Amino acid sequence: QVQLEESGGGLVQPGDTLRLSCTASGLMLRVTTTAWYRQAPGKERESVASISSSGQTTYADSVKGRFTISRDIAKNTMYLQMNSLKPEDTAMYYCRVPTVPWGQGTQVTVSS
């Protein structure tokens, strides 16, 4: 019954901004650590940002200072605000909630 659905990706130019959204269970967002992952072709899927049940956030060094993870429990939604996008940010982006199957992801392509 529980599903993850990512949205908000697209084709943008370097320096542009995107905000990704992921619908998820509000309960799970509240009681677990959730995260955003990304995977580029030929690369391993990697965590880029996480947020704990207490609201503590962590970021991969590659996105620190540019990306912000947040959640709106009442709206059953988590977000990834991505500023100053770079070509190396190009990847399929996935949200992660423990015990919930991966969604289909949303594609982010940064190219001039």
N, C-alpha and C. Protein backbone atom coordinates (compact mmCIF):
# COMPACT_ATOMS: atom_id res chain seq x y z
N GLN A 1 0.83 -1.22 0.00
CA GLN A 1 0.00 0.00 0.00
C GLN A 1 0.86 1.26 0.00
N VAL A 2 1.94 1.23 0.78
CA VAL A 2 2.81 2.40 0.87
C VAL A 2 3.68 2.49 -0.37
N GLN A 3 3.68 3.66 -0.99
CA GLN A 3 4.46 3.91 -2.19
C GLN A 3 5.19 5.24 -2.08
N LEU A 4 6.31 5.33 -2.78
CA LEU A 4 7.06 6.56 -2.89
C LEU A 4 6.93 7.08 -4.31
N GLU A 5 6.71 8.37 -4.44
CA GLU A 5 6.56 8.97 -5.75
C GLU A 5 7.36 10.27 -5.79
N GLU A 6 8.41 10.27 -6.60
CA GLU A 6 9.25 11.44 -6.75
C GLU A 6 8.78 12.29 -7.92
N SER A 7 9.00 13.59 -7.81
CA SER A 7 8.65 14.51 -8.89
C SER A 7 9.51 15.76 -8.79
N GLY A 8 9.49 16.57 -9.83
CA GLY A 8 10.17 17.85 -9.81
C GLY A 8 11.44 17.92 -10.62
N GLY A 9 11.90 16.80 -11.17
CA GLY A 9 13.10 16.82 -11.98
C GLY A 9 12.86 17.48 -13.32
N GLY A 10 13.94 17.63 -14.07
CA GLY A 10 13.83 18.23 -15.38
C GLY A 10 15.18 18.54 -15.96
N LEU A 11 15.17 19.18 -17.11
CA LEU A 11 16.38 19.60 -17.80
C LEU A 11 16.61 21.07 -17.50
N VAL A 12 17.75 21.37 -16.89
CA VAL A 12 18.07 22.74 -16.51
C VAL A 12 19.50 23.06 -16.89
N GLN A 13 19.84 24.34 -16.83
CA GLN A 13 21.19 24.80 -17.11
C GLN A 13 22.00 24.92 -15.84
N PRO A 14 23.33 24.85 -15.95
CA PRO A 14 24.16 25.06 -14.76
C PRO A 14 23.81 26.36 -14.05
N GLY A 15 23.76 26.28 -12.73
CA GLY A 15 23.40 27.43 -11.93
C GLY A 15 21.92 27.53 -11.60
N ASP A 16 21.11 26.76 -12.28
CA ASP A 16 19.66 26.79 -12.05
C ASP A 16 19.29 26.09 -10.75
N THR A 17 18.01 26.19 -10.42
CA THR A 17 17.47 25.65 -9.19
C THR A 17 16.31 24.72 -9.49
N LEU A 18 16.23 23.63 -8.75
CA LEU A 18 15.09 22.72 -8.79
C LEU A 18 14.70 22.36 -7.37
N ARG A 19 13.44 22.03 -7.17
CA ARG A 19 12.99 21.46 -5.92
C ARG A 19 12.29 20.15 -6.20
N LEU A 20 12.85 19.08 -5.69
CA LEU A 20 12.27 17.77 -5.83
C LEU A 20 11.31 17.50 -4.68
N SER A 21 10.26 16.76 -4.98
CA SER A 21 9.28 16.38 -3.97
C SER A 21 9.12 14.88 -3.97
N CYS A 22 8.77 14.35 -2.81
CA CYS A 22 8.51 12.93 -2.67
C CYS A 22 7.34 12.74 -1.73
N THR A 23 6.31 12.10 -2.22
CA THR A 23 5.19 11.77 -1.36
C THR A 23 5.51 10.50 -0.59
N ALA A 24 5.20 10.50 0.69
CA ALA A 24 5.49 9.37 1.56
C ALA A 24 4.54 9.41 2.75
N SER A 25 4.56 8.34 3.52
CA SER A 25 3.75 8.28 4.73
C SER A 25 4.23 9.31 5.74
N GLY A 26 3.31 10.11 6.25
CA GLY A 26 3.68 11.06 7.27
C GLY A 26 4.21 10.39 8.53
N LEU A 27 3.66 9.24 8.85
CA LEU A 27 4.14 8.50 10.00
C LEU A 27 5.60 8.10 9.84
N MET A 28 5.93 7.56 8.68
CA MET A 28 7.30 7.13 8.44
C MET A 28 8.26 8.31 8.43
N LEU A 29 7.83 9.43 7.86
CA LEU A 29 8.66 10.62 7.86
C LEU A 29 8.95 11.09 9.28
N ARG A 30 8.01 10.89 10.15
CA ARG A 30 8.14 11.36 11.52
C ARG A 30 8.99 10.46 12.39
N VAL A 31 8.96 9.16 12.16
CA VAL A 31 9.60 8.22 13.09
C VAL A 31 10.90 7.62 12.58
N THR A 32 11.28 7.88 11.34
CA THR A 32 12.49 7.30 10.79
C THR A 32 13.38 8.36 10.15
N THR A 33 14.62 7.97 9.91
CA THR A 33 15.51 8.78 9.11
C THR A 33 15.18 8.53 7.63
N THR A 34 14.97 9.59 6.90
CA THR A 34 14.68 9.49 5.48
C THR A 34 15.76 10.23 4.70
N ALA A 35 15.84 9.94 3.41
CA ALA A 35 16.96 10.45 2.64
C ALA A 35 16.63 10.62 1.18
N TRP A 36 17.47 11.37 0.51
CA TRP A 36 17.50 11.46 -0.94
C TRP A 36 18.76 10.80 -1.45
N TYR A 37 18.60 9.97 -2.46
CA TYR A 37 19.71 9.31 -3.14
C TYR A 37 19.72 9.73 -4.60
N ARG A 38 20.85 9.52 -5.24
CA ARG A 38 20.92 9.72 -6.68
C ARG A 38 21.81 8.66 -7.30
N GLN A 39 21.56 8.40 -8.57
CA GLN A 39 22.36 7.43 -9.30
C GLN A 39 22.53 7.88 -10.74
N ALA A 40 23.77 8.05 -11.13
CA ALA A 40 24.11 8.38 -12.50
C ALA A 40 24.48 7.09 -13.24
N PRO A 41 24.35 7.08 -14.56
CA PRO A 41 24.70 5.88 -15.33
C PRO A 41 26.12 5.41 -15.03
N GLY A 42 26.27 4.12 -14.75
CA GLY A 42 27.57 3.57 -14.46
C GLY A 42 28.09 3.85 -13.07
N LYS A 43 27.30 4.52 -12.25
CA LYS A 43 27.70 4.86 -10.90
C LYS A 43 26.83 4.14 -9.88
N GLU A 44 27.36 4.00 -8.68
CA GLU A 44 26.57 3.44 -7.59
C GLU A 44 25.57 4.46 -7.09
N ARG A 45 24.46 3.96 -6.59
CA ARG A 45 23.49 4.85 -5.97
C ARG A 45 24.08 5.39 -4.67
N GLU A 46 24.02 6.69 -4.49
CA GLU A 46 24.64 7.32 -3.34
C GLU A 46 23.66 8.23 -2.61
N SER A 47 23.83 8.29 -1.31
CA SER A 47 23.04 9.20 -0.50
C SER A 47 23.57 10.61 -0.65
N VAL A 48 22.68 11.56 -0.87
CA VAL A 48 23.09 12.95 -0.98
C VAL A 48 22.64 13.78 0.21
N ALA A 49 21.57 13.36 0.87
CA ALA A 49 21.07 14.11 2.02
C ALA A 49 20.16 13.22 2.84
N SER A 50 20.14 13.43 4.14
CA SER A 50 19.24 12.69 5.01
C SER A 50 18.71 13.60 6.10
N ILE A 51 17.59 13.21 6.66
CA ILE A 51 17.00 13.96 7.76
C ILE A 51 16.45 12.95 8.76
N SER A 52 16.82 13.11 10.02
CA SER A 52 16.41 12.18 11.06
C SER A 52 15.04 12.54 11.59
N SER A 53 14.51 11.67 12.44
CA SER A 53 13.21 11.92 13.04
C SER A 53 13.21 13.18 13.90
N SER A 54 14.37 13.56 14.40
CA SER A 54 14.49 14.78 15.20
C SER A 54 14.75 16.02 14.36
N GLY A 55 14.92 15.83 13.05
CA GLY A 55 15.16 16.95 12.16
C GLY A 55 16.61 17.22 11.85
N GLN A 56 17.52 16.41 12.40
CA GLN A 56 18.93 16.58 12.10
C GLN A 56 19.23 16.18 10.67
N THR A 57 19.99 16.99 9.97
CA THR A 57 20.28 16.75 8.57
C THR A 57 21.75 16.47 8.34
N THR A 58 22.03 15.68 7.31
CA THR A 58 23.39 15.43 6.87
C THR A 58 23.42 15.54 5.35
N TYR A 59 24.59 15.87 4.81
CA TYR A 59 24.75 16.06 3.38
C TYR A 59 26.06 15.47 2.90
N ALA A 60 26.02 14.96 1.69
CA ALA A 60 27.26 14.57 1.04
C ALA A 60 28.09 15.82 0.78
N ASP A 61 29.40 15.66 0.83
CA ASP A 61 30.28 16.81 0.62
C ASP A 61 30.03 17.47 -0.74
N SER A 62 29.66 16.69 -1.72
CA SER A 62 29.48 17.20 -3.06
C SER A 62 28.29 18.16 -3.19
N VAL A 63 27.36 18.10 -2.25
CA VAL A 63 26.17 18.94 -2.33
C VAL A 63 26.04 19.90 -1.16
N LYS A 64 26.91 19.79 -0.19
CA LYS A 64 26.84 20.63 1.00
C LYS A 64 26.90 22.10 0.62
N GLY A 65 25.98 22.87 1.18
CA GLY A 65 25.91 24.28 0.88
C GLY A 65 25.05 24.63 -0.30
N ARG A 66 24.66 23.63 -1.08
CA ARG A 66 23.83 23.86 -2.26
C ARG A 66 22.46 23.20 -2.15
N PHE A 67 22.40 22.05 -1.50
CA PHE A 67 21.15 21.30 -1.38
C PHE A 67 20.62 21.39 0.05
N THR A 68 19.30 21.36 0.18
CA THR A 68 18.66 21.36 1.48
C THR A 68 17.54 20.32 1.50
N ILE A 69 17.59 19.42 2.46
CA ILE A 69 16.54 18.43 2.62
C ILE A 69 15.57 18.93 3.69
N SER A 70 14.29 18.70 3.45
CA SER A 70 13.28 19.11 4.41
C SER A 70 12.07 18.19 4.28
N ARG A 71 11.14 18.36 5.18
CA ARG A 71 9.94 17.55 5.15
C ARG A 71 8.76 18.35 5.67
N ASP A 72 7.60 18.01 5.17
CA ASP A 72 6.35 18.56 5.67
C ASP A 72 5.48 17.37 6.01
N ILE A 73 5.48 17.00 7.27
CA ILE A 73 4.81 15.78 7.69
C ILE A 73 3.31 15.86 7.45
N ALA A 74 2.73 17.02 7.69
CA ALA A 74 1.29 17.19 7.48
C ALA A 74 0.90 16.95 6.03
N LYS A 75 1.81 17.24 5.10
CA LYS A 75 1.55 17.05 3.69
C LYS A 75 2.10 15.73 3.16
N ASN A 76 2.66 14.91 4.05
CA ASN A 76 3.22 13.61 3.66
C ASN A 76 4.25 13.76 2.55
N THR A 77 5.08 14.78 2.67
CA THR A 77 6.01 15.11 1.60
C THR A 77 7.38 15.45 2.15
N MET A 78 8.42 14.98 1.46
CA MET A 78 9.77 15.41 1.72
C MET A 78 10.30 16.10 0.48
N TYR A 79 11.26 17.00 0.68
CA TYR A 79 11.75 17.83 -0.40
C TYR A 79 13.27 17.81 -0.46
N LEU A 80 13.77 18.11 -1.64
CA LEU A 80 15.18 18.37 -1.82
C LEU A 80 15.30 19.65 -2.64
N GLN A 81 15.69 20.73 -1.98
CA GLN A 81 15.94 21.99 -2.65
C GLN A 81 17.36 21.97 -3.20
N MET A 82 17.49 22.16 -4.49
CA MET A 82 18.78 22.07 -5.15
C MET A 82 19.09 23.41 -5.81
N ASN A 83 20.08 24.10 -5.29
CA ASN A 83 20.52 25.37 -5.82
C ASN A 83 21.87 25.22 -6.51
N SER A 84 22.17 26.17 -7.37
CA SER A 84 23.47 26.21 -8.04
C SER A 84 23.83 24.86 -8.66
N LEU A 85 22.92 24.32 -9.42
CA LEU A 85 23.11 22.99 -9.99
C LEU A 85 24.30 22.95 -10.94
N LYS A 86 24.98 21.82 -10.91
CA LYS A 86 26.16 21.57 -11.73
C LYS A 86 25.92 20.37 -12.63
N PRO A 87 26.64 20.29 -13.75
CA PRO A 87 26.48 19.12 -14.61
C PRO A 87 26.68 17.80 -13.88
N GLU A 88 27.58 17.77 -12.91
CA GLU A 88 27.82 16.54 -12.17
C GLU A 88 26.67 16.14 -11.25
N ASP A 89 25.67 17.01 -11.11
CA ASP A 89 24.47 16.65 -10.37
C ASP A 89 23.50 15.83 -11.22
N THR A 90 23.78 15.69 -12.49
CA THR A 90 22.91 14.93 -13.38
C THR A 90 22.81 13.49 -12.90
N ALA A 91 21.59 13.04 -12.66
CA ALA A 91 21.35 11.70 -12.13
C ALA A 91 19.85 11.47 -12.00
N MET A 92 19.51 10.23 -11.74
CA MET A 92 18.16 9.91 -11.32
C MET A 92 18.12 10.06 -9.80
N TYR A 93 17.16 10.80 -9.31
CA TYR A 93 17.05 11.07 -7.89
C TYR A 93 15.90 10.27 -7.29
N TYR A 94 16.17 9.67 -6.13
CA TYR A 94 15.21 8.82 -5.45
C TYR A 94 15.09 9.26 -3.99
N CYS A 95 13.88 9.20 -3.46
CA CYS A 95 13.75 9.34 -2.02
C CYS A 95 13.82 7.97 -1.38
N ARG A 96 14.20 7.95 -0.11
CA ARG A 96 14.38 6.70 0.60
C ARG A 96 13.70 6.75 1.95
N VAL A 97 12.80 5.82 2.17
CA VAL A 97 12.16 5.62 3.46
C VAL A 97 12.37 4.16 3.83
N PRO A 98 12.99 3.89 4.97
CA PRO A 98 13.27 2.49 5.34
C PRO A 98 12.03 1.63 5.31
N THR A 99 12.19 0.44 4.76
CA THR A 99 11.17 -0.60 4.61
C THR A 99 10.21 -0.36 3.44
N VAL A 100 10.28 0.79 2.82
CA VAL A 100 9.41 1.09 1.69
C VAL A 100 10.18 0.89 0.39
N PRO A 101 9.59 0.19 -0.57
CA PRO A 101 10.31 -0.03 -1.83
C PRO A 101 10.67 1.28 -2.52
N TRP A 102 11.78 1.25 -3.24
CA TRP A 102 12.19 2.40 -4.04
C TRP A 102 11.10 2.78 -5.03
N GLY A 103 10.95 4.08 -5.24
CA GLY A 103 10.07 4.55 -6.28
C GLY A 103 10.77 4.55 -7.62
N GLN A 104 10.16 5.19 -8.61
CA GLN A 104 10.73 5.22 -9.94
C GLN A 104 11.78 6.31 -10.13
N GLY A 105 11.84 7.24 -9.20
CA GLY A 105 12.81 8.31 -9.28
C GLY A 105 12.36 9.43 -10.20
N THR A 106 13.12 10.52 -10.18
CA THR A 106 12.88 11.63 -11.08
C THR A 106 14.22 12.08 -11.66
N GLN A 107 14.26 12.28 -12.95
CA GLN A 107 15.50 12.58 -13.65
C GLN A 107 15.85 14.05 -13.55
N VAL A 108 17.09 14.32 -13.17
CA VAL A 108 17.64 15.67 -13.17
C VAL A 108 18.79 15.70 -14.16
N THR A 109 18.70 16.57 -15.13
CA THR A 109 19.75 16.73 -16.12
C THR A 109 20.19 18.18 -16.13
N VAL A 110 21.47 18.40 -15.90
CA VAL A 110 22.03 19.75 -15.86
C VAL A 110 23.01 19.88 -17.02
N SER A 111 22.66 20.68 -17.98
CA SER A 111 23.48 20.80 -19.19
C SER A 111 23.28 22.17 -19.81
N SER A 112 24.35 22.69 -20.38
CA SER A 112 24.27 23.95 -21.10
C SER A 112 23.92 23.75 -22.56
